[in-house]
Amino acid sequence: MKASHAPVSRGAVTLLIGTRKGAFTLKSDQARRTWKVSPPMFLGHIIHHVVADPRDRRTVLMAASTGHLGPTIFRSTNAGKSWTEVPAPPAFAKVPESEKGRAVNHTFWLTPCHANEPNAWYAGTSPQGLFRSDDGGATWKPFSYINDDPQYREWMGSVQDGTPDGPKLHSIIVDPRDPRHLYFAMSGGGVHESVDGGKTFSTLVKGLDVVEGFDPTTVTFHDPHCVRLSPSNPDRLYQQNHCGIYRLDRPSNTWVRIGKNMPKKVGDVGFPMVVHPHNADTAWVFPMDAATVWPRVSPDGKPAAYVTKNAGKSWTRQDKGFPRPNAWWTVKRQAMTNDRHEAVGLYVGTTQGEIWASRNEGTTWTCIARHLPEIYSVEAATFGR
């Protein structure tokens, strides 16, 4: 096991929450026992992702769809106290009038770049596009060649393919040891890696299953839902896929399906994935009903997290405190996160508009907010010096 790259946090936590009808924050006391919800921000706008910059602990970016005004990004430099719309959000390169171009429907994913690149960010969009900002999120440009590369465009499929609300480029990951080492995933279109700062990318789909009847050698058919890198061992990645739960230990290029060890009645289909910040063998998922029609609810209406503490050899159900039965909700891919306390806090936002929290790594759960709009994303932040 490699030395931890994730320092232990202490004290109050702020949850940054994106919903179908605006953004909210939840702030805890020092012990993470009591929480206070903010008034809504940008009420009525779809907020896809809200992310704080861990490098300065005061900048926050918010990816929004603003009705008839279209997709944009809002930026705060004072921990969310005030916001400005950025002058140049992600947009595909213009093409001649005689050619058919693409337009960003919404920015879906935000990732701060390496610690040695203090003002740089990456963004993933729908339809699939990869973008970078070098001025703290104010202006954005297409990154690398993949947005317009014929092979990548083929793997992306058409704008009608992918998830119900559009195909996504997501799970943008920067190796904490090397800013040139990048990963990203596309739904659909597989997992991809660069070791030269985006000059070239290679596919990383060996070992992954696809829907029965489709060819796994065709990258288009691969649908990763969420990819996470272990902070304490950057040579290990976990993935929640449309077709199972996987682990990858570098330098291997072959994913291992660790979801086969989940209870058969529950299965290994879901959207979010969380990795313990200090222990690479521990990770959490939040399964959903994967019946033929994909109802996208908790299995049998009984929501639960599942944890592995041995890198996927076995899984344990964690449902103490969750409602049962008749809790017909699920958790989207960006709506499960963690803090970095010694006893790690876990947080899930539901499609029913609730936030559930655990101060003891999933052993028990408490509802800390109700009656919010449908929750799209939850991220944990610690502000101040």
Protein backbone atom coordinates (compact mmCIF):
# COMPACT_ATOMS: atom_id res chain seq x y z
CA MET A 1 0.00 0.00 0.00
CA LYS A 2 1.28 3.44 -0.94
CA ALA A 3 1.55 6.30 1.50
CA SER A 4 -1.62 8.36 1.83
CA HIS A 5 -1.94 11.43 -0.36
CA ALA A 6 -5.07 12.56 1.52
CA PRO A 7 -4.49 14.46 4.78
CA VAL A 8 -6.95 13.86 7.59
CA SER A 9 -9.52 16.65 7.99
CA ARG A 10 -11.14 17.84 11.21
CA GLY A 11 -13.96 20.15 12.14
CA ALA A 12 -16.96 21.44 10.25
CA VAL A 13 -17.98 20.15 6.82
CA THR A 14 -19.89 21.97 4.09
CA LEU A 15 -21.88 19.93 1.62
CA LEU A 16 -22.34 21.49 -1.81
CA ILE A 17 -25.59 20.21 -3.32
CA GLY A 18 -26.74 20.45 -6.92
CA THR A 19 -30.41 19.76 -7.63
CA ARG A 20 -32.96 19.86 -10.41
CA LYS A 21 -34.19 23.23 -9.12
CA GLY A 22 -31.15 25.05 -7.73
CA ALA A 23 -28.19 24.67 -5.41
CA PHE A 24 -28.01 24.41 -1.62
CA THR A 25 -25.38 24.05 1.08
CA LEU A 26 -25.51 22.07 4.29
CA LYS A 27 -23.09 23.14 7.01
CA SER A 28 -22.24 21.03 10.03
CA ASP A 29 -21.04 21.84 13.50
CA GLN A 30 -17.53 20.77 14.52
CA ALA A 31 -18.72 17.29 15.49
CA ARG A 32 -20.79 16.77 12.31
CA ARG A 33 -23.86 16.14 14.49
CA THR A 34 -26.08 19.07 13.53
CA TRP A 35 -26.56 20.56 10.07
CA LYS A 36 -28.02 23.79 8.73
CA VAL A 37 -29.40 24.06 5.21
CA SER A 38 -28.99 27.29 3.24
CA PRO A 39 -31.64 29.11 1.23
CA PRO A 40 -31.64 28.04 -2.42
CA MET A 41 -29.16 29.53 -4.85
CA PHE A 42 -30.19 29.96 -8.50
CA LEU A 43 -33.61 28.59 -7.72
CA GLY A 44 -35.18 26.97 -10.78
CA HIS A 45 -31.93 26.31 -12.63
CA ILE A 46 -30.66 22.76 -13.07
CA ILE A 47 -27.39 22.47 -11.15
CA HIS A 48 -25.35 19.51 -12.34
CA HIS A 49 -22.21 19.81 -10.20
CA VAL A 50 -20.85 22.13 -7.48
CA VAL A 51 -17.17 21.70 -6.59
CA ALA A 52 -14.89 23.53 -4.17
CA ASP A 53 -11.22 24.04 -4.96
CA PRO A 54 -9.17 22.20 -2.29
CA ARG A 55 -6.07 24.16 -3.32
CA ASP A 56 -7.23 27.57 -2.09
CA ARG A 57 -10.28 26.47 -0.02
CA ARG A 58 -12.37 29.43 -1.14
CA THR A 59 -13.07 29.09 -4.89
CA VAL A 60 -16.21 27.19 -5.94
CA LEU A 61 -17.45 26.39 -9.43
CA MET A 62 -21.06 25.54 -10.28
CA ALA A 63 -22.19 23.92 -13.55
CA ALA A 64 -25.73 25.05 -14.42
CA SER A 65 -28.39 24.78 -17.09
CA THR A 66 -30.33 28.03 -17.03
CA GLY A 67 -33.49 27.34 -18.99
CA HIS A 68 -33.75 29.37 -22.17
CA LEU A 69 -30.38 31.03 -21.43
CA GLY A 70 -28.57 27.72 -21.88
CA PRO A 71 -25.58 26.09 -20.15
CA THR A 72 -23.11 28.12 -18.13
CA ILE A 73 -20.78 28.09 -15.14
CA PHE A 74 -21.04 30.29 -12.06
CA ARG A 75 -17.95 31.08 -10.00
CA SER A 76 -17.43 32.13 -6.40
CA THR A 77 -14.14 33.27 -4.87
CA ASN A 78 -15.47 33.65 -1.32
CA ALA A 79 -16.67 30.13 -0.46
CA GLY A 80 -20.09 30.62 -2.05
CA LYS A 81 -21.09 33.92 -0.46
CA SER A 82 -21.46 35.57 -3.88
CA TRP A 83 -21.39 34.37 -7.46
CA THR A 84 -20.61 35.65 -10.96
CA GLU A 85 -21.33 34.02 -14.29
CA VAL A 86 -18.12 33.20 -16.15
CA PRO A 87 -17.59 35.03 -19.46
CA ALA A 88 -16.63 31.97 -21.53
CA PRO A 89 -18.10 28.62 -20.40
CA PRO A 90 -17.21 25.37 -22.20
CA ALA A 91 -18.20 25.45 -25.89
CA PHE A 92 -17.21 23.33 -28.84
CA ALA A 93 -15.06 24.87 -31.55
CA LYS A 94 -17.03 26.60 -34.28
CA VAL A 95 -17.21 24.90 -37.66
CA PRO A 96 -17.90 26.35 -41.13
CA GLU A 97 -21.57 27.00 -41.86
CA SER A 98 -21.55 24.20 -44.41
CA GLU A 99 -20.63 21.64 -41.72
CA LYS A 100 -22.69 20.27 -38.86
CA GLY A 101 -21.21 21.21 -35.51
CA ARG A 102 -22.03 20.30 -31.92
CA ALA A 103 -23.35 22.44 -29.09
CA VAL A 104 -22.81 21.88 -25.37
CA ASN A 105 -26.13 20.95 -23.79
CA HIS A 106 -24.72 21.21 -20.29
CA THR A 107 -21.48 20.97 -18.35
CA PHE A 108 -21.77 17.80 -16.32
CA TRP A 109 -18.48 17.29 -14.44
CA LEU A 110 -15.92 19.62 -12.82
CA THR A 111 -12.47 18.61 -11.56
CA PRO A 112 -9.68 20.82 -10.13
CA CYS A 113 -6.35 20.10 -11.80
CA HIS A 114 -3.14 19.09 -10.05
CA ALA A 115 -1.97 20.89 -6.91
CA ASN A 116 0.94 22.30 -8.95
CA GLU A 117 -1.53 23.95 -11.36
CA PRO A 118 -3.36 26.20 -8.89
CA ASN A 119 -5.73 27.98 -11.30
CA ALA A 120 -6.47 25.10 -13.68
CA TRP A 121 -9.69 23.06 -13.96
CA TYR A 122 -11.11 20.36 -16.24
CA ALA A 123 -14.73 20.02 -17.28
CA GLY A 124 -16.72 17.28 -18.99
CA THR A 125 -19.87 18.01 -20.95
CA SER A 126 -22.94 16.52 -22.56
CA PRO A 127 -22.58 15.62 -25.38
CA GLN A 128 -19.14 14.30 -24.60
CA GLY A 129 -16.46 16.96 -24.58
CA LEU A 130 -13.33 17.64 -22.55
CA PHE A 131 -12.41 21.23 -21.63
CA ARG A 132 -9.82 23.08 -19.55
CA SER A 133 -9.59 26.45 -17.83
CA ASP A 134 -6.29 28.01 -16.76
CA ASP A 135 -7.73 31.10 -15.09
CA GLY A 136 -9.67 29.66 -12.18
CA GLY A 137 -12.72 28.65 -14.22
CA ALA A 138 -13.42 32.01 -15.85
CA THR A 139 -12.71 31.01 -19.44
CA TRP A 140 -12.69 27.56 -21.02
CA LYS A 141 -11.19 26.01 -24.15
CA PRO A 142 -11.43 22.54 -25.71
CA PHE A 143 -8.72 20.31 -24.26
CA SER A 144 -6.70 17.81 -26.25
CA TYR A 145 -7.87 16.52 -29.62
CA ILE A 146 -10.63 14.11 -28.63
CA ASN A 147 -13.63 16.46 -29.00
CA ASP A 148 -13.27 16.37 -32.78
CA ASP A 149 -11.25 13.22 -33.38
CA PRO A 150 -13.15 10.92 -35.79
CA GLN A 151 -12.40 7.78 -33.75
CA TYR A 152 -13.52 9.37 -30.48
CA ARG A 153 -16.60 10.85 -32.14
CA GLU A 154 -17.51 7.35 -33.30
CA TRP A 155 -17.05 5.95 -29.79
CA MET A 156 -19.21 8.74 -28.35
CA GLY A 157 -22.18 7.63 -30.45
CA SER A 158 -24.90 10.07 -31.41
CA VAL A 159 -26.45 12.70 -29.16
CA GLN A 160 -29.47 10.42 -28.83
CA ASP A 161 -27.38 7.66 -27.25
CA GLY A 162 -26.32 7.22 -23.65
CA THR A 163 -28.14 8.13 -20.46
CA PRO A 164 -31.78 9.33 -20.50
CA ASP A 165 -30.75 12.98 -20.17
CA GLY A 166 -27.91 12.81 -22.68
CA PRO A 167 -24.45 11.25 -23.07
CA LYS A 168 -21.76 12.41 -20.64
CA LEU A 169 -18.02 12.85 -20.29
CA HIS A 170 -17.32 12.40 -16.58
CA SER A 171 -14.97 11.01 -13.93
CA ILE A 172 -12.07 13.27 -14.93
CA ILE A 173 -9.18 12.18 -12.72
CA VAL A 174 -5.72 13.70 -12.24
CA ASP A 175 -3.00 11.49 -10.75
CA PRO A 176 -1.82 13.35 -7.61
CA ARG A 177 1.77 12.32 -8.43
CA ASP A 178 1.82 13.57 -12.02
CA PRO A 179 -0.34 16.27 -13.66
CA ARG A 180 0.30 14.69 -17.07
CA HIS A 181 -1.38 11.44 -16.02
CA LEU A 182 -5.13 11.74 -16.65
CA TYR A 183 -8.20 9.53 -16.82
CA PHE A 184 -11.72 10.20 -17.99
CA ALA A 185 -14.84 8.16 -18.77
CA MET A 186 -17.66 8.52 -21.28
CA SER A 187 -21.22 7.26 -21.05
CA GLY A 188 -21.13 5.73 -23.51
CA GLY A 189 -17.66 5.43 -24.88
CA GLY A 190 -15.48 3.74 -22.28
CA VAL A 191 -12.59 4.72 -20.00
CA HIS A 192 -9.50 6.50 -21.35
CA GLU A 193 -6.02 7.37 -20.10
CA SER A 194 -3.29 9.86 -21.02
CA VAL A 195 0.27 9.84 -19.69
CA ASP A 196 1.45 12.86 -21.68
CA GLY A 197 -0.85 15.63 -20.50
CA GLY A 198 -3.57 15.01 -23.06
CA LYS A 199 -1.43 14.87 -26.20
CA THR A 200 -2.57 11.26 -26.68
CA PHE A 201 -5.13 9.01 -24.99
CA SER A 202 -5.55 5.23 -24.97
CA THR A 203 -8.61 3.12 -24.15
CA LEU A 204 -8.83 1.30 -20.85
CA VAL A 205 -11.75 -1.13 -21.25
CA LYS A 206 -10.13 -4.58 -21.12
CA GLY A 207 -12.04 -6.86 -18.74
CA LEU A 208 -15.21 -4.76 -18.73
CA ASP A 209 -18.52 -6.36 -19.68
CA VAL A 210 -21.11 -4.78 -21.96
CA VAL A 211 -24.84 -5.39 -22.33
CA GLU A 212 -25.54 -8.91 -23.56
CA GLY A 213 -25.66 -9.11 -27.33
CA PHE A 214 -23.18 -6.28 -27.90
CA ASP A 215 -19.51 -6.59 -28.84
CA PRO A 216 -17.14 -5.69 -25.94
CA THR A 217 -14.37 -4.87 -28.42
CA THR A 218 -16.46 -1.92 -29.67
CA VAL A 219 -15.67 0.96 -27.33
CA THR A 220 -18.99 2.68 -28.04
CA PHE A 221 -20.86 -0.02 -26.12
CA HIS A 222 -18.95 0.50 -22.87
CA ASP A 223 -20.89 2.52 -20.28
CA PRO A 224 -18.88 3.41 -17.17
CA HIS A 225 -21.09 5.16 -14.62
CA CYS A 226 -18.39 6.37 -12.21
CA VAL A 227 -14.62 5.89 -11.93
CA ARG A 228 -12.68 6.74 -8.78
CA LEU A 229 -8.97 6.74 -7.96
CA SER A 230 -7.82 5.74 -4.50
CA PRO A 231 -6.29 8.79 -2.74
CA SER A 232 -4.07 6.57 -0.59
CA ASN A 233 -2.89 4.40 -3.49
CA PRO A 234 -3.10 6.17 -6.86
CA ASP A 235 -2.24 2.92 -8.63
CA ARG A 236 -5.70 1.58 -7.78
CA LEU A 237 -8.97 2.57 -9.45
CA TYR A 238 -12.52 1.45 -8.78
CA GLN A 239 -15.42 1.64 -11.20
CA GLN A 240 -19.20 1.39 -10.99
CA ASN A 241 -20.27 0.41 -14.48
CA HIS A 242 -23.58 -0.18 -16.25
CA CYS A 243 -22.45 -3.82 -16.17
CA GLY A 244 -20.93 -4.30 -12.73
CA ILE A 245 -18.38 -3.12 -10.15
CA TYR A 246 -14.68 -3.31 -11.03
CA ARG A 247 -11.18 -2.73 -9.66
CA LEU A 248 -7.99 -1.96 -11.57
CA ASP A 249 -4.51 -2.21 -10.07
CA ARG A 250 -1.86 -0.57 -12.25
CA PRO A 251 0.26 -1.28 -14.15
CA SER A 252 -2.32 -3.85 -15.22
CA ASN A 253 -4.73 -2.74 -17.95
CA THR A 254 -7.36 -5.36 -17.13
CA TRP A 255 -10.32 -4.56 -14.89
CA VAL A 256 -11.46 -7.24 -12.42
CA ARG A 257 -15.20 -7.56 -11.76
CA ILE A 258 -15.38 -7.45 -7.96
CA GLY A 259 -19.16 -6.95 -8.08
CA LYS A 260 -19.62 -10.68 -8.65
CA ASN A 261 -19.12 -10.96 -4.88
CA MET A 262 -22.20 -8.83 -4.14
CA PRO A 263 -25.38 -10.65 -3.01
CA LYS A 264 -27.05 -12.06 -6.14
CA LYS A 265 -30.45 -10.70 -5.13
CA VAL A 266 -29.02 -7.18 -5.03
CA GLY A 267 -26.60 -7.37 -7.95
CA ASP A 268 -23.81 -4.97 -8.79
CA VAL A 269 -25.51 -2.26 -10.85
CA GLY A 270 -25.67 1.33 -9.63
CA PHE A 271 -24.28 4.79 -10.32
CA PRO A 272 -22.07 6.20 -7.50
CA MET A 273 -18.76 4.96 -6.11
CA VAL A 274 -16.78 6.24 -3.10
CA VAL A 275 -13.25 5.19 -2.08
CA HIS A 276 -11.94 5.55 1.46
CA PRO A 277 -9.49 8.49 1.53
CA HIS A 278 -7.00 6.69 3.81
CA ASN A 279 -7.47 2.98 3.00
CA ALA A 280 -7.35 1.74 -0.59
CA ASP A 281 -9.01 -1.57 0.28
CA THR A 282 -12.24 0.12 1.44
CA ALA A 283 -14.89 1.39 -0.96
CA TRP A 284 -18.64 1.95 -1.04
CA VAL A 285 -21.38 1.59 -3.65
CA PHE A 286 -25.12 2.25 -3.60
CA PRO A 287 -26.88 -0.41 -5.69
CA MET A 288 -30.13 0.09 -7.54
CA ASP A 289 -32.73 -2.23 -9.01
CA ALA A 290 -31.36 -3.46 -12.32
CA ALA A 291 -34.45 -5.30 -13.55
CA THR A 292 -35.01 -5.50 -17.28
CA VAL A 293 -36.81 -2.14 -17.49
CA TRP A 294 -34.30 -0.45 -15.17
CA PRO A 295 -36.72 1.20 -12.75
CA ARG A 296 -33.83 3.11 -11.13
CA VAL A 297 -34.99 2.67 -7.55
CA SER A 298 -33.50 0.93 -4.52
CA PRO A 299 -33.82 -2.87 -4.70
CA ASP A 300 -37.18 -3.91 -3.19
CA GLY A 301 -37.60 -0.34 -1.94
CA LYS A 302 -34.96 -0.99 0.74
CA PRO A 303 -32.01 1.39 0.20
CA ALA A 304 -28.57 0.46 1.49
CA ALA A 305 -24.93 1.18 0.93
CA TYR A 306 -22.54 -1.73 0.52
CA VAL A 307 -18.94 -1.59 1.72
CA THR A 308 -15.91 -3.69 0.92
CA LYS A 309 -12.94 -3.64 3.26
CA ASN A 310 -10.85 -6.11 1.30
CA ALA A 311 -10.75 -4.58 -2.19
CA GLY A 312 -13.91 -6.31 -3.34
CA LYS A 313 -13.44 -9.87 -2.09
CA SER A 314 -16.58 -9.45 0.04
CA TRP A 315 -19.28 -6.84 0.64
CA THR A 316 -21.30 -5.88 3.72
CA ARG A 317 -24.75 -4.26 3.69
CA GLN A 318 -25.03 -0.95 5.59
CA ASP A 319 -28.67 0.06 6.02
CA LYS A 320 -29.06 0.97 9.71
CA GLY A 321 -31.12 4.16 9.84
CA PHE A 322 -32.38 4.06 6.25
CA PRO A 323 -36.15 3.72 5.74
CA ARG A 324 -37.56 0.30 4.94
CA PRO A 325 -39.58 -0.75 3.16
CA ASN A 326 -41.21 1.43 0.49
CA ALA A 327 -38.31 3.84 -0.03
CA TRP A 328 -38.37 3.97 -3.82
CA TRP A 329 -35.44 6.23 -4.57
CA THR A 330 -31.89 5.90 -5.81
CA VAL A 331 -28.62 7.87 -5.85
CA LYS A 332 -27.07 9.44 -8.97
CA ARG A 333 -23.41 9.09 -9.90
CA GLN A 334 -22.29 12.43 -8.39
CA ALA A 335 -24.59 12.29 -5.37
CA MET A 336 -22.51 10.11 -3.03
CA THR A 337 -19.36 11.51 -1.46
CA ASN A 338 -17.16 11.51 1.63
CA ASP A 339 -15.21 13.81 3.87
CA ARG A 340 -11.65 13.13 5.01
CA HIS A 341 -12.10 12.87 8.75
CA GLU A 342 -10.30 10.08 10.59
CA ALA A 343 -13.71 8.41 10.99
CA VAL A 344 -14.82 9.09 7.44
CA GLY A 345 -18.17 10.76 6.93
CA LEU A 346 -20.33 9.51 4.05
CA TYR A 347 -23.11 11.50 2.37
CA VAL A 348 -25.76 10.51 -0.16
CA GLY A 349 -28.33 12.66 -1.91
CA THR A 350 -31.44 10.94 -3.20
CA THR A 351 -33.73 11.34 -6.15
CA GLN A 352 -36.42 12.03 -3.52
CA GLY A 353 -34.61 15.15 -2.30
CA GLU A 354 -33.10 13.87 0.94
CA ILE A 355 -29.52 14.01 2.25
CA TRP A 356 -28.39 11.09 4.39
CA ALA A 357 -25.16 11.17 6.41
CA SER A 358 -23.01 8.72 8.33
CA ARG A 359 -20.31 9.85 10.77
CA ASN A 360 -19.00 6.30 11.21
CA GLU A 361 -18.15 5.08 7.73
CA GLY A 362 -21.61 3.77 6.95
CA THR A 363 -22.37 1.85 10.14
CA THR A 364 -25.38 4.08 10.87
CA TRP A 365 -27.21 6.68 8.76
CA THR A 366 -29.20 9.81 9.63
CA CYS A 367 -31.34 12.00 7.39
CA ILE A 368 -29.96 15.56 7.68
CA ALA A 369 -32.15 17.29 5.07
CA ARG A 370 -35.56 16.60 3.55
CA HIS A 371 -37.84 18.03 0.87
CA LEU A 372 -35.13 19.36 -1.43
CA PRO A 373 -35.58 19.01 -5.20
CA GLU A 374 -34.24 15.90 -6.89
CA ILE A 375 -30.54 15.77 -6.05
CA TYR A 376 -27.99 15.58 -8.85
CA SER A 377 -24.71 15.99 -6.97
CA VAL A 378 -23.19 16.21 -3.48
CA GLU A 379 -19.61 17.23 -2.73
CA ALA A 380 -17.93 17.77 0.67
CA ALA A 381 -15.75 20.82 1.27
CA THR A 382 -13.72 22.42 4.03
CA PHE A 383 -13.34 26.18 3.65
CA GLY A 384 -10.80 28.57 5.15
CA ARG A 385 -7.16 28.18 5.99
